[in-house]
């Protein structure tokens, strides 16, 4: 009889225990985290029957996984899904520790899932040892323990188990049994405990940092901190490095942590033909650093390897040079032939030639139709025989018509004016044609003088074909660019500008900005760097007219917003991302940007006069010389013609049977 009573009490107690556990689960799912989907990892068939049915009664989609069976955690849990899901793990089962280890390894303790470690009699340090490194400030883990008639729900997180940070527990709620009725007492809002505001105190924890300083002697954290803290430009340090270091300062003040930096010496690269990344990107990808004092370019293959927490620095680099009159980006901008293309000049010459031929033909036809007595006078007739077939001579020669056509084109007038109507119409047509072309010509010249955008080389290929000597800032990303880039423009630039050796008086291929500015100031030299580094020094060294002569040619490196990156699915991603959004809204980011991104010095000169160089005016002198040579040739021809004509006249006068006719 006593055995039967004991059995009945044990069954009733086990039933009460089952109800108590179910009440804790339903309170957590329905009233605390309020999710719609539940994944249960357990080894008890009772859980399958009772817990599943209780949750389904509360409109939950339940996925039950028996730990003794084969399953794939990465198939059940996907960090790419953004649904609100609860994961319940029965920690009394033997496979619970393995599930938690796999979840930490695959970084499932994140903002996507609400984890409930359901079990009594298991220490939390046993469930979440230091070896489970991915239990950080973004973890959403609730741990359940109990006393005689009360269950306690604790929020669990740490600031970084990989940094030996301890677990932090905060009581969320209790579930109490009073006479068979279960009461939930909520002490703290679970979402508040899991928020950035509550988990923003790191208590001086030291995070692992990485930066890039292209100097061999810089190895310690003290050296890196000293260089980054200086407001001025340092050789081997990019401007965006110091900017992101200041952003880290905002996070340090917000979360109360310190950083131990290491120097990467470079940004990117791969080891041989392998996929092993080098430089800062490799360190961040392998999770060897928690935060980086640098930005990174946007690349499609990087989004699968890094998290982006902020974008604000626009990387702008360019060739800087001073414009001088001898720089001609189109090789003919100073020539007086430039306003018209080659085809237009050829068409003008052909048109004038046709009009000259027409004018001459009109003169010949007009002379044929005219009366000989009106145009000639006979003198020194030796015989009294009747005059027959007397040759006629035109009023002007063909050469004179060509000169008159050219004079009409140059709007120099015409004297004498032709008397016949066809010739007059030809002359009027030439005058109208010259007026229209003159307007086009002068408009093009004036427009070119008023436009300053085309002065000097404007593209990388223009820099390559120009007479400018070039150098680059001595910093790592240029060396990576020359080694890995397959750009045709860069290949031509290296072949023409960088392949030959340089004399001792010339600046080396890689130099510092302070060394390059005197060369830029003197002209004939272009220096490629991040422009915000050069602007302060240019404002100090250059005068007003030299600042107006300053030109920039971008295109060698992309101008884009840099990504501030962390390791993919880092436990600090959400925390730092929210903090940077707050800093931007508060104006802290804008303040740092204004101090770090110096604007280009403004041109304060009213105007700048650029003298025309010899190369620009060379075509005019060639035309002048050719005209002089043609004039000399024409003079020589006239002399020879006059000599032959006079000699012929002498011979005709000596002959008594010849009629000598002179035509006026």
Foldseek 3Di string as FASTA:
>chain_A
DVVVVVVVVVVVVVVLVVVLLLVVVCCCCCPAQVFAEEEEEEQDVVCVPPNVVSVVVVNHHYHYDHPVDDDDPCVVDPPVDQGEYEYEYAVVDPCQLVVLLVCLVVLVQAQRYAYEDDYEDDDPCVSDPLSSFNFALRGRYWYWYDDDFKIWIWGWGFHTSPLVTDIDIDTAWMWGADPNDIDIGGDDRSVVCSDLVNQLANPAREFEEEEEAQDPVDFFQVSVVVVLPDLADDARHALQLSLLVVVVVLSCVRRVYHYTYGYQNACWDADDPDPQIGGPLNCQQVVVGFFYSHFADDDPVCVVWWDFQDWDDWFDKWKKFFFAQVFALVLALLALCPLDDPVVVVVVVVVLVVLLVVLVVVQVVVQVPDDQVVFFDFPDFLDPDDDDDDDGDTPDDSVVSSVQLVCLLVVVDDPPQDDDDVNNVSSVVSNVVSVVVVVSSVVSVVVSVVDPPRRHHAELVSVLPTQAAEAEEPYHVVVVCVVPPPDPSVVSSCVRHPPDDDDPVDDHRHDHLVVCVVVRQVGRYIYMDRVQNNQVVCVVPPDLVRLVRMDTHDDSDDTGITTRIGGVSRNCSVSSSVSVVVCVVVCVSVVSCPSSRDDHDDRPDPDDDHDNDCSSHVVVVVVVVVVVVVVVVVVVVVVVVVVVVVVVVVVQVVDSVHRDTDTD
